[in-house]
Protein backbone atom coordinates (compact mmCIF):
# COMPACT_ATOMS: atom_id res chain seq x y z
CA MET A 1 13.91 -12.01 -11.44
CA ALA A 2 16.28 -9.04 -12.07
CA CYS A 3 17.00 -6.91 -8.77
CA LEU A 4 18.03 -3.35 -9.20
CA ASP A 5 20.21 -4.09 -12.34
CA VAL A 6 20.44 -3.07 -15.93
CA GLU A 7 18.55 -5.90 -17.00
CA ASN A 8 15.35 -4.41 -15.29
CA PRO A 9 15.68 -0.70 -15.51
CA TRP A 10 11.84 -0.26 -15.80
CA GLY A 11 11.73 -1.15 -12.04
CA LEU A 12 13.30 2.18 -11.17
CA VAL A 13 10.48 3.91 -13.22
CA ILE A 14 7.94 1.75 -11.23
CA ILE A 15 9.51 2.62 -7.75
CA ALA A 16 9.43 6.47 -8.99
CA SER A 17 5.88 6.07 -9.98
CA ALA A 18 4.61 4.61 -6.73
CA PHE A 19 6.79 7.31 -4.72
CA TRP A 20 5.02 10.23 -6.20
CA ILE A 21 1.61 8.53 -6.14
CA GLN A 22 2.03 8.08 -2.40
CA PHE A 23 3.35 11.61 -2.11
CA MET A 24 0.27 12.83 -3.35
CA ALA A 25 -2.19 10.40 -1.94
CA PHE A 26 -0.85 10.56 1.80
CA GLY A 27 0.07 14.13 1.51
CA MET A 28 -3.47 15.03 0.90
CA ALA A 29 -4.78 12.71 3.56
CA THR A 30 -2.38 14.07 6.25
CA SER A 31 -3.42 17.62 5.35
CA PHE A 32 -6.84 17.35 6.32
CA GLY A 33 -5.91 17.98 9.94
CA VAL A 34 -5.03 21.57 8.67
CA TYR A 35 -8.52 22.10 7.07
CA ILE A 36 -10.18 21.13 10.27
CA VAL A 37 -9.40 24.31 11.86
CA GLU A 38 -10.92 26.34 8.98
CA LEU A 39 -14.01 23.92 8.67
CA LEU A 40 -14.87 24.46 12.19
CA HIS A 41 -14.91 28.14 11.94
CA HIS A 42 -17.01 27.83 8.45
CA PHE A 43 -19.61 25.23 9.59
CA ASP A 44 -21.50 24.99 12.72
CA VAL A 45 -20.76 21.24 13.47
CA SER A 46 -18.69 19.47 15.97
CA LEU A 47 -14.91 18.18 16.05
CA ALA A 48 -16.12 14.62 16.07
CA PHE A 49 -18.18 15.10 12.79
CA ILE A 50 -15.53 16.78 11.02
CA SER A 51 -12.87 14.23 12.08
CA LEU A 52 -15.10 11.65 10.99
CA ILE A 53 -14.91 13.11 7.33
CA GLY A 54 -11.20 12.87 7.63
CA SER A 55 -11.19 9.28 8.95
CA ILE A 56 -13.71 8.14 6.32
CA ASN A 57 -11.26 9.54 3.45
CA VAL A 58 -8.44 7.65 5.05
CA GLY A 59 -10.47 4.69 6.04
CA ILE A 60 -11.81 3.99 2.38
CA PHE A 61 -8.22 5.08 0.85
CA LEU A 62 -7.00 1.89 3.01
CA GLY A 63 -10.18 -0.10 3.59
CA ALA A 64 -11.17 -0.44 -0.19
CA GLY A 65 -7.96 -2.49 -0.69
CA PRO A 66 -9.89 -5.72 -1.49
CA LEU A 67 -11.94 -3.90 -4.22
CA ALA A 68 -8.72 -2.70 -5.67
CA SER A 69 -7.47 -6.55 -5.63
CA ILE A 70 -10.68 -7.51 -7.32
CA LEU A 71 -10.25 -4.94 -9.97
CA MET A 72 -6.38 -5.92 -10.41
CA ARG A 73 -7.63 -9.44 -11.41
CA LYS A 74 -10.05 -8.07 -13.81
CA MET A 75 -7.82 -5.64 -15.51
CA SER A 76 -4.28 -4.33 -15.83
CA TYR A 77 -2.78 -2.51 -12.80
CA ARG A 78 -2.26 0.33 -15.09
CA ARG A 79 -5.82 0.56 -15.73
CA VAL A 80 -6.96 0.45 -12.16
CA CYS A 81 -4.53 3.28 -11.41
CA PHE A 82 -6.25 5.55 -14.16
CA LEU A 83 -9.51 4.84 -12.68
CA GLY A 84 -8.31 5.91 -9.37
CA ALA A 85 -6.77 9.07 -10.95
CA VAL A 86 -10.15 9.98 -12.48
CA LEU A 87 -11.90 9.44 -9.31
CA SER A 88 -9.72 11.35 -6.90
CA THR A 89 -9.34 14.33 -9.30
CA CYS A 90 -13.20 14.34 -9.81
CA GLY A 91 -13.77 14.28 -6.07
CA LEU A 92 -11.06 16.96 -5.34
CA ILE A 93 -12.23 19.43 -8.18
CA VAL A 94 -15.75 19.94 -6.99
CA LEU A 95 -14.91 20.47 -3.32
CA PRO A 96 -14.62 24.41 -3.84
CA PHE A 97 -18.42 24.34 -4.55
CA THR A 98 -19.08 22.53 -1.39
CA MET A 99 -22.53 23.83 0.29
CA ASN A 100 -22.70 21.63 3.54
CA MET A 101 -20.85 18.95 5.46
CA ILE A 102 -22.69 16.07 3.62
CA PHE A 103 -21.35 17.14 0.32
CA LEU A 104 -17.82 17.27 1.82
CA LEU A 105 -18.10 13.81 3.33
CA PHE A 106 -19.25 12.26 0.06
CA PHE A 107 -16.80 13.83 -2.52
CA TYR A 108 -13.60 14.16 -0.39
CA GLY A 109 -14.41 11.25 2.13
CA ILE A 110 -15.62 8.56 -0.08
CA VAL A 111 -15.09 9.61 -3.77
CA THR A 112 -11.38 11.03 -3.14
CA GLY A 113 -10.65 8.26 -0.75
CA LEU A 114 -11.58 5.30 -3.18
CA GLY A 115 -9.45 7.07 -5.94
CA TYR A 116 -6.59 6.98 -3.71
CA CYS A 117 -6.96 3.66 -3.01
CA LEU A 118 -7.21 2.51 -6.59
CA LEU A 119 -3.91 4.45 -7.00
CA TYR A 120 -1.99 3.14 -3.83
CA VAL A 121 -2.65 -0.53 -3.83
CA PRO A 122 -1.70 -1.20 -7.47
CA SER A 123 1.30 1.07 -7.56
CA HIS A 124 2.65 -0.17 -4.19
CA THR A 125 1.91 -3.91 -4.84
CA MET A 126 4.09 -3.68 -8.20
CA SER A 127 6.92 -2.19 -6.71
CA GLY A 128 7.31 -5.40 -4.45
CA LEU A 129 6.64 -7.48 -7.39
CA TYR A 130 9.38 -6.02 -9.43
CA TYR A 131 12.24 -7.15 -7.18
CA ASP A 132 13.17 -10.11 -5.19
CA LYS A 133 16.42 -9.79 -3.28
CA HIS A 134 16.08 -5.83 -2.95
CA ARG A 135 12.33 -6.18 -2.31
CA SER A 136 12.53 -4.45 1.16
CA LEU A 137 14.65 -1.63 -0.32
CA ALA A 138 12.38 -0.90 -3.39
CA THR A 139 9.25 -0.99 -1.13
CA GLY A 140 10.94 1.48 1.62
CA VAL A 141 11.92 3.99 -1.31
CA ALA A 142 8.43 3.83 -2.83
CA THR A 143 6.79 4.17 0.74
CA ALA A 144 9.02 7.22 1.68
CA GLY A 145 6.81 9.18 -0.97
CA SER A 146 4.06 9.15 1.73
CA GLY A 147 6.48 10.75 4.25
CA LEU A 148 7.59 13.40 2.01
CA GLY A 149 3.85 14.14 1.07
CA GLY A 150 3.39 14.64 4.66
CA ILE A 151 6.06 17.03 4.98
CA VAL A 152 5.26 19.13 1.85
CA PHE A 153 1.54 19.11 1.86
CA PRO A 154 0.46 20.37 5.59
CA ASN A 155 2.51 23.55 4.85
CA LEU A 156 1.66 23.97 1.13
CA VAL A 157 -2.11 23.68 1.90
CA GLN A 158 -1.85 26.05 4.77
CA TYR A 159 0.01 28.53 2.39
CA LEU A 160 -2.91 27.91 -0.27
CA ILE A 161 -5.44 28.61 2.57
CA ASP A 162 -3.94 31.96 3.59
CA GLU A 163 -3.64 33.25 -0.24
CA TYR A 164 -6.82 31.65 -1.68
CA GLY A 165 -9.08 30.39 1.11
CA TRP A 166 -9.99 26.75 1.94
CA ARG A 167 -12.05 26.58 -1.18
CA GLY A 168 -9.62 27.87 -3.58
CA SER A 169 -6.96 25.55 -1.98
CA PHE A 170 -8.76 22.34 -2.85
CA LEU A 171 -8.94 23.55 -6.66
CA VAL A 172 -5.20 24.02 -6.65
CA VAL A 173 -4.52 20.77 -5.07
CA ALA A 174 -7.14 19.04 -7.60
CA GLY A 175 -4.71 20.42 -10.29
CA ILE A 176 -1.51 18.79 -8.68
CA ASN A 177 -3.72 15.59 -8.49
CA LEU A 178 -3.66 15.63 -12.43
CA ASN A 179 -0.13 14.30 -12.37
CA ALA A 180 -1.37 11.01 -11.20
CA PHE A 181 -2.41 10.21 -14.76
CA VAL A 182 1.32 10.63 -15.69
CA PHE A 183 2.54 8.20 -13.15
CA SER A 184 -0.24 5.70 -13.71
CA ALA A 185 0.68 5.54 -17.58
CA LEU A 186 4.30 4.58 -16.43
CA LEU A 187 3.22 1.46 -14.87
CA ARG A 188 4.30 -1.78 -16.66
CA ASP A 189 4.01 -5.59 -15.73
CA SER A 190 6.57 -7.02 -13.72
CA PRO A 191 8.66 -10.01 -15.05
CA LEU A 192 6.90 -12.39 -12.88
CA GLN A 193 3.38 -11.11 -13.88
CA LYS A 194 4.61 -11.63 -17.70
CA LYS A 195 5.65 -15.05 -17.17
CA GLN A 196 2.39 -16.03 -15.46
CA LYS A 197 0.35 -14.24 -18.26
CA ALA A 198 2.16 -16.60 -20.83
CA LYS A 199 1.46 -19.48 -18.69
CA GLU A 200 -2.25 -18.65 -18.64
CA LYS A 201 -2.53 -17.85 -22.42
CA LEU A 202 -0.87 -21.14 -23.10
CA ALA A 203 -3.20 -23.07 -20.63
CA ILE A 204 -6.16 -21.55 -22.26
CA GLU A 205 -5.00 -22.42 -25.83
CA LEU A 206 -4.20 -26.09 -24.95
CA LYS A 207 -7.47 -26.42 -23.21
CA GLU A 208 -9.02 -25.57 -26.61
CA ILE A 209 -6.91 -27.94 -28.53
CA LYS A 210 -7.35 -30.97 -26.14
CA ARG A 211 -11.18 -30.60 -27.04
CA ASN A 212 -10.58 -31.82 -30.41
CA GLU A 213 -9.16 -35.33 -30.09
CA SER A 214 -7.39 -35.45 -33.49
CA SER A 215 -4.95 -32.65 -32.54
CA SER A 216 -1.42 -34.02 -32.58
CA GLN A 217 1.48 -33.71 -30.32
CA PHE A 218 3.07 -31.73 -33.29
CA GLU A 219 0.50 -29.24 -33.20
CA LYS A 220 0.75 -28.78 -29.41
CA GLU A 221 4.38 -28.21 -29.56
CA ASN A 222 4.08 -25.79 -32.42
CA LEU A 223 1.26 -24.06 -30.23
CA ILE A 224 3.95 -23.77 -27.45
CA LYS A 225 6.23 -21.76 -29.82
CA ASP A 226 3.64 -19.49 -31.21
CA VAL A 227 2.60 -18.42 -27.65
CA ASN A 228 6.27 -17.90 -26.60
CA ALA A 229 6.65 -16.12 -30.00
CA SER A 230 3.62 -13.99 -29.63
CA GLU A 231 3.30 -10.35 -28.48
CA LEU A 232 2.71 -11.04 -24.88
CA VAL A 233 4.64 -8.04 -23.57
CA LEU A 234 4.52 -4.63 -24.86
CA ASP A 235 7.72 -2.78 -25.90
CA ILE A 236 9.76 -6.08 -25.28
CA PRO A 237 11.44 -7.33 -28.37
CA VAL A 238 10.81 -10.71 -29.46
CA THR A 239 14.37 -13.07 -28.93
CA LYS A 240 14.81 -16.28 -30.74
CA GLU A 241 14.74 -19.53 -28.66
CA LYS A 242 18.40 -20.74 -28.00
CA SER A 243 19.66 -24.07 -26.91
CA PRO A 244 20.45 -24.70 -23.12
CA GLU A 245 24.29 -25.03 -24.32
CA LYS A 246 24.29 -21.69 -25.81
CA ASN A 247 22.29 -19.41 -23.45
CA GLY A 248 23.34 -20.93 -20.15
CA THR A 249 19.67 -20.86 -18.98
CA ASN A 250 19.54 -24.59 -18.14
CA GLY A 251 16.89 -25.49 -20.50
CA LYS A 252 14.78 -22.41 -20.20
CA THR A 253 13.67 -20.48 -23.36
CA GLU A 254 12.95 -16.90 -23.23
CA ALA A 255 10.77 -14.87 -25.27
CA ASN A 256 9.54 -11.24 -24.92
CA GLY A 257 11.18 -11.19 -21.49
CA VAL A 258 9.33 -14.49 -20.37
CA ASN A 259 11.53 -17.20 -19.00
CA MET A 260 9.63 -20.89 -19.30
CA SER A 261 11.36 -24.00 -18.53
CA ALA A 262 10.86 -26.84 -20.76
CA VAL A 263 9.46 -28.79 -17.74
CA GLU A 264 6.99 -26.00 -17.05
CA ARG A 265 5.75 -26.01 -20.68
CA GLN A 266 5.55 -29.68 -20.83
CA SER A 267 3.66 -29.72 -17.62
CA LEU A 268 1.06 -27.71 -19.22
CA LEU A 269 0.90 -30.05 -22.18
CA THR A 270 0.42 -33.23 -20.01
CA SER A 271 -2.03 -31.57 -17.31
CA GLU A 272 -5.38 -32.98 -17.26
CA SER A 273 -6.64 -29.37 -16.15
CA PRO A 274 -4.69 -26.95 -18.08
CA ASP A 275 -6.71 -24.18 -16.70
CA GLU A 276 -5.79 -25.10 -12.94
CA ASP A 277 -3.60 -22.26 -12.27
CA VAL A 278 -6.26 -19.94 -13.40
CA ASN A 279 -9.02 -21.38 -11.19
CA SER A 280 -6.51 -21.63 -8.21
CA ASN A 281 -6.41 -17.96 -8.43
CA SER A 282 -10.30 -17.38 -7.43
CA ILE A 283 -11.12 -14.90 -5.04
CA LEU A 284 -12.62 -17.58 -2.72
CA SER A 285 -9.67 -20.05 -3.01
CA VAL A 286 -7.30 -17.15 -1.91
CA MET A 287 -9.69 -15.80 0.91
CA LEU A 288 -9.67 -19.48 2.53
CA ALA A 289 -5.83 -19.74 2.10
CA LEU A 290 -5.23 -16.46 3.85
CA LEU A 291 -7.91 -17.03 6.67
CA LYS A 292 -6.00 -20.43 7.27
CA ASN A 293 -2.71 -18.42 7.76
CA VAL A 294 -2.87 -17.72 11.49
CA PRO A 295 0.17 -15.25 11.70
CA PHE A 296 -1.51 -13.41 8.90
CA CYS A 297 -4.65 -13.17 10.44
CA ILE A 298 -2.79 -11.85 13.51
CA PHE A 299 -1.16 -9.26 11.41
CA VAL A 300 -4.70 -8.13 10.33
CA VAL A 301 -5.81 -7.50 13.67
CA ASN A 302 -2.48 -5.76 14.53
CA ASN A 303 -3.13 -3.38 11.36
CA VAL A 304 -6.54 -2.56 12.80
CA LEU A 305 -5.39 -1.50 16.32
CA TRP A 306 -2.25 0.24 14.88
CA ASN A 307 -4.02 2.23 12.64
CA PHE A 308 -6.73 3.07 15.08
CA GLY A 309 -3.77 4.30 17.40
CA THR A 310 -1.69 6.21 14.82
CA VAL A 311 -4.26 7.95 12.83
CA ILE A 312 -5.28 9.93 15.94
CA PRO A 313 -2.44 12.03 16.06
CA LEU A 314 -2.37 12.77 12.36
CA ILE A 315 -5.90 13.86 12.05
CA LEU A 316 -6.46 15.47 15.39
CA GLY A 317 -3.10 16.55 16.02
CA PRO A 318 -3.28 20.19 14.27
CA GLU A 319 -6.49 20.95 16.33
CA TYR A 320 -4.92 19.86 19.48
CA PHE A 321 -1.83 21.85 19.12
CA THR A 322 -3.84 25.08 18.63
CA THR A 323 -5.77 24.31 21.97
CA ILE A 324 -2.31 24.35 23.71
CA GLY A 325 -1.17 27.54 22.55
CA PHE A 326 0.33 27.10 19.03
CA SER A 327 -0.78 28.91 15.95
CA GLN A 328 -2.25 27.05 12.68
CA LYS A 329 1.09 27.74 11.03
CA GLU A 330 3.22 26.21 13.84
CA SER A 331 0.52 23.21 13.92
CA ALA A 332 1.14 22.54 10.34
CA THR A 333 4.89 22.70 10.87
CA LEU A 334 4.67 20.23 13.77
CA ILE A 335 2.82 17.91 11.41
CA SER A 336 5.34 18.17 8.75
CA LEU A 337 8.09 17.45 11.33
CA PHE A 338 6.02 14.42 12.18
CA SER A 339 5.95 13.24 8.42
CA GLY A 340 9.59 14.33 7.91
CA GLY A 341 10.51 11.52 10.38
CA SER A 342 8.28 9.09 8.61
CA PHE A 343 10.22 9.93 5.23
CA VAL A 344 13.43 9.05 6.74
CA GLY A 345 11.90 6.15 8.69
CA CYS A 346 10.59 4.48 5.39
CA VAL A 347 13.94 4.42 3.75
CA LEU A 348 15.63 3.04 6.78
CA GLY A 349 12.83 0.42 6.94
CA GLY A 350 13.81 -0.50 3.58
CA VAL A 351 17.51 -0.69 4.07
CA PHE A 352 17.26 -2.55 7.61
CA GLY A 353 14.60 -5.03 5.98
CA ASN A 354 17.03 -5.75 3.41
CA ILE A 355 19.58 -6.83 5.80
CA PRO A 356 19.68 -10.84 6.06
CA LYS A 357 20.80 -11.10 9.76
CA ILE A 358 17.95 -8.78 10.86
CA ASN A 359 14.65 -10.45 11.44
CA ARG A 360 11.99 -8.45 10.28
CA ILE A 361 9.43 -9.74 12.30
CA TYR A 362 11.17 -8.74 15.53
CA LEU A 363 12.32 -5.41 14.04
CA PHE A 364 8.50 -4.73 13.21
CA ILE A 365 7.34 -5.59 16.93
CA VAL A 366 10.26 -3.60 18.49
CA VAL A 367 9.24 -0.47 16.42
CA ASN A 368 5.57 -1.12 16.76
CA LEU A 369 6.03 -0.85 20.65
CA GLY A 370 8.28 1.98 20.42
CA VAL A 371 5.74 4.10 18.45
CA GLY A 372 3.31 3.66 21.29
CA ILE A 373 5.76 4.44 24.04
CA VAL A 374 6.90 7.73 22.27
CA GLY A 375 3.13 8.62 21.59
CA LEU A 376 2.60 8.78 25.37
CA PHE A 377 4.66 12.20 25.53
CA ILE A 378 2.51 13.90 22.99
CA PRO A 379 -0.03 14.90 25.68
CA LEU A 380 2.44 15.35 28.55
CA GLU A 381 3.01 19.22 29.44
CA ILE A 382 6.86 18.43 29.64
CA ALA A 383 6.80 18.10 25.86
CA HIS A 384 4.52 21.10 25.23
CA SER A 385 7.08 23.58 23.53
CA MET A 386 7.98 23.86 19.87
CA VAL A 387 11.22 22.20 20.44
CA GLY A 388 9.83 19.34 22.73
CA LEU A 389 7.05 18.46 20.38
CA ALA A 390 9.53 18.77 17.48
CA ILE A 391 11.85 15.94 19.22
CA VAL A 392 8.83 13.66 19.81
CA GLY A 393 7.32 14.16 16.50
CA ILE A 394 10.58 13.39 14.61
CA ILE A 395 11.27 10.23 16.69
CA TRP A 396 7.38 9.07 16.32
CA GLY A 397 7.41 9.53 12.63
CA THR A 398 10.86 7.88 11.98
CA MET A 399 9.40 4.87 13.89
CA PHE A 400 6.03 5.18 12.16
CA GLY A 401 7.73 5.24 8.69
CA LEU A 402 9.95 2.18 9.52
CA ILE A 403 6.70 0.30 10.10
CA LEU A 404 5.36 1.58 6.42
CA GLY A 405 8.75 0.57 4.89
CA LEU A 406 8.50 -2.91 6.54
CA LEU A 407 4.69 -3.45 5.65
CA VAL A 408 5.07 -5.26 2.39
CA VAL A 409 7.91 -7.20 3.09
CA VAL A 410 6.61 -8.53 6.31
CA THR A 411 3.44 -9.26 4.37
CA ALA A 412 5.45 -11.24 1.86
CA ASP A 413 7.32 -13.16 4.61
CA LEU A 414 3.92 -14.26 6.32
CA VAL A 415 2.17 -15.33 3.04
CA GLY A 416 4.56 -15.65 0.20
CA ILE A 417 5.24 -13.67 -2.68
CA HIS A 418 2.56 -15.24 -4.92
CA TYR A 419 -0.28 -14.24 -2.25
CA LEU A 420 0.99 -10.57 -1.77
CA GLY A 421 -1.45 -8.68 -3.91
CA ASP A 422 -4.48 -10.30 -2.38
CA ALA A 423 -2.87 -10.09 0.98
CA MET A 424 -2.11 -6.38 0.63
CA GLY A 425 -5.73 -5.92 -0.31
CA PHE A 426 -7.13 -7.45 3.05
CA LEU A 427 -4.51 -5.39 4.99
CA MET A 428 -5.69 -2.38 3.55
CA LEU A 429 -9.30 -3.34 4.77
CA ALA A 430 -7.90 -3.70 7.90
CA ASN A 431 -6.15 -0.46 8.02
CA GLY A 432 -9.18 1.39 6.73
CA VAL A 433 -11.33 0.01 9.54
CA GLY A 434 -8.57 1.30 12.17
CA CYS A 435 -8.68 4.47 10.36
CA ILE A 436 -12.37 5.15 10.18
CA ILE A 437 -13.10 4.33 13.72
CA GLY A 438 -10.11 6.11 15.19
CA PRO A 439 -10.49 9.90 14.77
CA PRO A 440 -14.37 9.96 15.73
CA ILE A 441 -13.93 7.83 18.85
CA GLY A 442 -10.74 10.10 19.74
CA GLY A 443 -12.78 13.16 19.12
CA TRP A 444 -15.57 11.67 21.31
CA ILE A 445 -13.31 10.72 24.28
CA GLY A 446 -12.06 14.40 24.16
CA GLU A 447 -15.34 15.87 24.16
CA ALA A 448 -16.74 13.31 26.96
CA THR A 449 -13.89 13.88 29.16
CA GLY A 450 -13.34 17.41 28.56
CA SER A 451 -9.71 16.82 28.01
CA SER A 452 -8.28 16.63 24.41
CA ALA A 453 -5.07 14.78 25.85
CA ALA A 454 -7.35 11.73 26.62
CA ALA A 455 -7.78 10.76 22.94
CA PHE A 456 -3.77 10.82 22.59
CA TYR A 457 -3.42 8.43 25.56
CA VAL A 458 -5.93 5.98 24.11
CA SER A 459 -4.16 6.12 20.90
CA ALA A 460 -0.71 5.36 22.50
CA PHE A 461 -2.10 2.47 24.58
CA THR A 462 -3.71 1.04 21.64
CA VAL A 463 -0.54 1.06 19.51
CA ILE A 464 1.38 -0.68 22.26
CA VAL A 465 -1.19 -3.35 22.74
CA SER A 466 -1.14 -3.88 18.68
CA GLY A 467 2.68 -4.65 19.15
CA LEU A 468 2.18 -6.91 22.30
CA LEU A 469 -0.23 -8.86 19.79
CA MET A 470 2.22 -8.94 17.11
CA ALA A 471 4.42 -10.63 19.31
CA ILE A 472 2.28 -13.89 19.44
CA ILE A 473 3.73 -14.82 16.07
CA PRO A 474 7.36 -15.57 16.91
CA VAL A 475 6.30 -16.99 20.23
CA SER A 476 3.98 -19.32 18.63
CA ARG A 477 6.48 -20.37 16.17
CA LYS A 478 9.08 -21.04 18.88
CA VAL A 479 6.51 -22.98 20.91
CA CYS A 480 4.93 -25.07 17.87
CA LYS A 481 8.02 -25.24 15.99
CA THR A 482 6.11 -23.78 12.96
CA PRO A 483 8.53 -22.82 10.11
CA SER A 484 8.00 -19.29 8.61
CA LYS A 485 6.74 -18.48 5.36
CA LYS A 486 10.21 -17.92 3.97
CA GLU A 487 10.62 -21.95 4.64
CA GLN A 488 7.30 -22.58 2.90
CA ASP A 489 5.64 -22.09 -0.45
CA PHE A 490 2.36 -21.34 -1.61
CA THR A 491 1.52 -23.26 -4.65
CA THR A 492 -1.19 -20.61 -5.94
CA GLU A 493 0.58 -18.19 -8.61
CA VAL A 494 0.33 -14.38 -8.31
CA ALA A 495 -2.87 -12.83 -9.19
CA ILE A 496 -2.50 -11.58 -12.82
CA PRO A 497 -5.00 -9.19 -14.53
CA VAL A 498 -6.37 -10.28 -17.87
CA GLY A 499 -6.97 -6.90 -19.31
């Protein structure tokens, strides 16, 4: 697989598309805290209920990952992103006509959240599939879009609210969201997906031929050539098959950008079950395989607790900052500084994760614990100045971004590249669960104790617990002498859409 070189230039386009999709999706999600202040003034509802709307949006945004994975099996990643662009834009464009909180909860919380999920999961997964050696750097750069969105959108939304009111701001944001259609159109299958599609098509054709006992070996060999020469990949010219001595591919033939060795093609000919690869990709078999992976299950629980803790400052932060004496603009600026650190952290996560001498699991654990420890300073009065909270926010955001930048590569380390798409779907579900329950519980704790700071203490301690839980993985491997997923190989092929 080509890695950030001229042989695979479209991978850079994929990274750019994923970057800007995350810029819009996460930027809008982190901006809801700015809207909370306005909605509290306009509607006679509690903080816990309004924060529930934001948490449902983020929760469905992340938690509908398994649904996105299923759709990615039934149609191309590009089509799934187009569907997400339609839903998110429709959800935003009707918000200026909001009459009550239920209306806002449905269209912003559910419809827009689901749309952003269908945009995020395929684009982010594809940025990891396009590269091998530099996968960490590629996904880190793509994830940095979420940090940049968090910098720009809170201030942009605050400006739009000041100029056009909160209703008019939603209309402008909906117009910006139309760019998602452009970025979705740029998504193409990765080389790994093209190869698997070729193998699946050949397997299906061979199954039909084997039903006819009169089929000769000559016909089967011709079928392989036809499949290799067919238009399996759009916009990639067909290349003639060369001998191993001339092309230096060790017996591999290349057609339409798909490398398939003679051994692989012959195995499809002689296989008793030519559609075995397709069946092995069933949702049930993948789910069972992932559930048997204990380190991945620990990682899923870690993601639930992590998102429970980290989403509270992002959603409740703007309202909390106004209660301790900051203006709405200053609160939006502080959230932008949090996100600014996240932008830098995402890139650093990609860089550090690409250094062979650095153990990515250990790095993930250390940074995870660091986020929780730094989070303890947010409710402390010693940090309640613009400079103090700015320093805390930048450090917290940088480590938060490091975790985001490492998410895909750590997942690949735990389950293998062939399960990456499905594993990301389950991780998004875990993230969604944490995001849905975090802000409402945080808001309830603040109201029950009469102290807004209590929610932030709970947030920080939960993040610390998630890091300690993650530490079980390397400890168990040392005790049980279990090899990492880098030393193992799942035999199931990567999930490939058929549409």
